[in-house]
Amino acid sequence: MSMAALQMGKYGVYVWSCYGLTLIGLLFLVFAARRQRQHEVLQAKRRIRMAEQSQQTDMEVRS
């Protein structure tokens, strides 16, 4: 690949900046999705723990 193909004439700055912004956007989406998933997993674990504690409390009250 020649240097002229990488520069793309007078449109090189526009094209490569678009590629760069797209890459940044995709990376942001990947990291945001991972962070959101971790948050959802922690919330689910918390809800499960609270439900188990509630069941134990109900069983103790009934005994």
N, C-alpha and C. Protein backbone atom coordinates (compact mmCIF):
# COMPACT_ATOMS: atom_id res chain seq x y z
N MET A 1 0.85 -1.17 0.00
CA MET A 1 0.00 0.00 0.00
C MET A 1 0.90 1.23 0.00
N SER A 2 0.61 2.12 -0.88
CA SER A 2 1.46 3.30 -0.99
C SER A 2 0.99 4.40 -0.05
N MET A 3 1.88 5.37 0.15
CA MET A 3 1.56 6.49 1.02
C MET A 3 0.42 7.32 0.44
N ALA A 4 0.32 7.39 -0.88
CA ALA A 4 -0.75 8.16 -1.53
C ALA A 4 -2.11 7.53 -1.23
N ALA A 5 -2.15 6.21 -1.16
CA ALA A 5 -3.42 5.54 -0.85
C ALA A 5 -3.84 5.83 0.59
N LEU A 6 -2.88 5.92 1.50
CA LEU A 6 -3.20 6.24 2.90
C LEU A 6 -3.64 7.69 3.06
N GLN A 7 -3.06 8.59 2.29
CA GLN A 7 -3.40 10.00 2.40
C GLN A 7 -4.74 10.31 1.71
N MET A 8 -5.12 9.54 0.71
CA MET A 8 -6.39 9.68 0.00
C MET A 8 -6.58 11.08 -0.58
N GLY A 9 -5.53 11.63 -1.08
CA GLY A 9 -5.63 12.95 -1.69
C GLY A 9 -6.03 14.01 -0.67
N LYS A 10 -6.87 14.92 -1.10
CA LYS A 10 -7.27 16.00 -0.20
C LYS A 10 -8.34 15.58 0.79
N TYR A 11 -8.85 14.36 0.68
CA TYR A 11 -9.89 13.86 1.58
C TYR A 11 -9.34 13.01 2.73
N GLY A 12 -8.05 12.83 2.78
CA GLY A 12 -7.43 11.98 3.79
C GLY A 12 -7.76 12.36 5.22
N VAL A 13 -7.67 13.64 5.52
CA VAL A 13 -7.93 14.09 6.89
C VAL A 13 -9.37 13.76 7.28
N TYR A 14 -10.31 14.03 6.39
CA TYR A 14 -11.72 13.75 6.66
C TYR A 14 -11.96 12.25 6.85
N VAL A 15 -11.43 11.44 5.95
CA VAL A 15 -11.66 10.00 6.00
C VAL A 15 -11.06 9.40 7.26
N TRP A 16 -9.80 9.72 7.56
CA TRP A 16 -9.16 9.11 8.72
C TRP A 16 -9.74 9.62 10.04
N SER A 17 -10.20 10.88 10.06
CA SER A 17 -10.85 11.35 11.28
C SER A 17 -12.18 10.63 11.50
N CYS A 18 -12.88 10.32 10.42
CA CYS A 18 -14.13 9.55 10.54
C CYS A 18 -13.85 8.14 11.06
N TYR A 19 -12.80 7.52 10.54
CA TYR A 19 -12.42 6.20 11.04
C TYR A 19 -12.08 6.27 12.53
N GLY A 20 -11.33 7.28 12.91
CA GLY A 20 -10.94 7.42 14.31
C GLY A 20 -12.14 7.65 15.22
N LEU A 21 -13.05 8.52 14.84
CA LEU A 21 -14.24 8.77 15.65
C LEU A 21 -15.12 7.54 15.75
N THR A 22 -15.22 6.80 14.66
CA THR A 22 -16.01 5.56 14.68
C THR A 22 -15.39 4.55 15.64
N LEU A 23 -14.07 4.41 15.60
CA LEU A 23 -13.38 3.49 16.51
C LEU A 23 -13.59 3.91 17.96
N ILE A 24 -13.47 5.19 18.23
CA ILE A 24 -13.68 5.68 19.60
C ILE A 24 -15.11 5.39 20.05
N GLY A 25 -16.08 5.62 19.17
CA GLY A 25 -17.47 5.34 19.51
C GLY A 25 -17.72 3.87 19.79
N LEU A 26 -17.15 3.00 18.97
CA LEU A 26 -17.33 1.56 19.18
C LEU A 26 -16.68 1.10 20.48
N LEU A 27 -15.50 1.60 20.76
CA LEU A 27 -14.83 1.24 22.02
C LEU A 27 -15.65 1.72 23.22
N PHE A 28 -16.19 2.93 23.12
CA PHE A 28 -17.03 3.44 24.20
C PHE A 28 -18.24 2.53 24.42
N LEU A 29 -18.88 2.11 23.34
CA LEU A 29 -20.05 1.24 23.47
C LEU A 29 -19.71 -0.10 24.11
N VAL A 30 -18.57 -0.66 23.76
CA VAL A 30 -18.14 -1.93 24.34
C VAL A 30 -17.91 -1.78 25.84
N PHE A 31 -17.18 -0.75 26.24
CA PHE A 31 -16.90 -0.56 27.66
C PHE A 31 -18.16 -0.19 28.43
N ALA A 32 -19.03 0.60 27.85
CA ALA A 32 -20.28 0.97 28.52
C ALA A 32 -21.17 -0.26 28.71
N ALA A 33 -21.22 -1.13 27.71
CA ALA A 33 -22.03 -2.34 27.82
C ALA A 33 -21.48 -3.27 28.90
N ARG A 34 -20.16 -3.40 28.96
CA ARG A 34 -19.55 -4.24 30.00
C ARG A 34 -19.84 -3.69 31.39
N ARG A 35 -19.73 -2.39 31.53
CA ARG A 35 -19.98 -1.77 32.84
C ARG A 35 -21.45 -1.93 33.23
N GLN A 36 -22.36 -1.75 32.29
CA GLN A 36 -23.78 -1.91 32.57
C GLN A 36 -24.10 -3.35 32.96
N ARG A 37 -23.47 -4.31 32.28
CA ARG A 37 -23.70 -5.71 32.60
C ARG A 37 -23.23 -6.02 34.02
N GLN A 38 -22.06 -5.52 34.40
CA GLN A 38 -21.57 -5.73 35.76
C GLN A 38 -22.52 -5.14 36.78
N HIS A 39 -23.05 -3.97 36.49
CA HIS A 39 -23.99 -3.33 37.39
C HIS A 39 -25.26 -4.17 37.53
N GLU A 40 -25.78 -4.68 36.42
CA GLU A 40 -26.99 -5.49 36.44
C GLU A 40 -26.78 -6.80 37.20
N VAL A 41 -25.61 -7.41 37.04
CA VAL A 41 -25.31 -8.65 37.76
C VAL A 41 -25.26 -8.39 39.26
N LEU A 42 -24.62 -7.30 39.66
CA LEU A 42 -24.56 -6.96 41.09
C LEU A 42 -25.95 -6.71 41.65
N GLN A 43 -26.79 -6.01 40.90
CA GLN A 43 -28.16 -5.77 41.37
C GLN A 43 -28.94 -7.06 41.50
N ALA A 44 -28.77 -7.97 40.54
CA ALA A 44 -29.47 -9.25 40.60
C ALA A 44 -29.03 -10.06 41.81
N LYS A 45 -27.72 -10.07 42.09
CA LYS A 45 -27.23 -10.78 43.26
C LYS A 45 -27.79 -10.18 44.54
N ARG A 46 -27.86 -8.85 44.58
CA ARG A 46 -28.42 -8.17 45.75
C ARG A 46 -29.89 -8.54 45.95
N ARG A 47 -30.65 -8.56 44.84
CA ARG A 47 -32.06 -8.92 44.94
C ARG A 47 -32.24 -10.36 45.41
N ILE A 48 -31.41 -11.27 44.92
CA ILE A 48 -31.49 -12.67 45.33
C ILE A 48 -31.18 -12.79 46.82
N ARG A 49 -30.13 -12.08 47.27
CA ARG A 49 -29.76 -12.13 48.68
C ARG A 49 -30.89 -11.59 49.55
N MET A 50 -31.51 -10.50 49.13
CA MET A 50 -32.61 -9.92 49.91
C MET A 50 -33.81 -10.85 49.95
N ALA A 51 -34.09 -11.53 48.84
CA ALA A 51 -35.22 -12.46 48.80
C ALA A 51 -34.95 -13.65 49.73
N GLU A 52 -33.72 -14.16 49.74
CA GLU A 52 -33.37 -15.27 50.62
C GLU A 52 -33.49 -14.86 52.08
N GLN A 53 -33.03 -13.66 52.41
CA GLN A 53 -33.14 -13.18 53.78
C GLN A 53 -34.59 -13.00 54.18
N SER A 54 -35.40 -12.53 53.26
CA SER A 54 -36.82 -12.34 53.54
C SER A 54 -37.50 -13.68 53.78
N GLN A 55 -37.13 -14.69 53.01
CA GLN A 55 -37.71 -16.02 53.20
C GLN A 55 -37.29 -16.60 54.55
N GLN A 56 -36.03 -16.40 54.93
CA GLN A 56 -35.57 -16.89 56.22
C GLN A 56 -36.30 -16.20 57.36
N THR A 57 -36.52 -14.92 57.22
CA THR A 57 -37.23 -14.17 58.25
C THR A 57 -38.68 -14.65 58.36
N ASP A 58 -39.31 -14.90 57.21
CA ASP A 58 -40.69 -15.41 57.21
C ASP A 58 -40.76 -16.78 57.88
N MET A 59 -39.77 -17.62 57.62
CA MET A 59 -39.76 -18.96 58.20
C MET A 59 -39.58 -18.86 59.72
N GLU A 60 -38.74 -17.94 60.19
CA GLU A 60 -38.50 -17.79 61.62
C GLU A 60 -39.74 -17.26 62.32
N VAL A 61 -40.47 -16.36 61.67
CA VAL A 61 -41.66 -15.79 62.25
C VAL A 61 -42.76 -16.85 62.36
N ARG A 62 -42.86 -17.71 61.38
CA ARG A 62 -43.89 -18.75 61.36
C ARG A 62 -43.59 -19.88 62.36
N SER A 63 -42.35 -20.04 62.74
CA SER A 63 -41.97 -21.14 63.64
C SER A 63 -42.39 -20.88 65.06
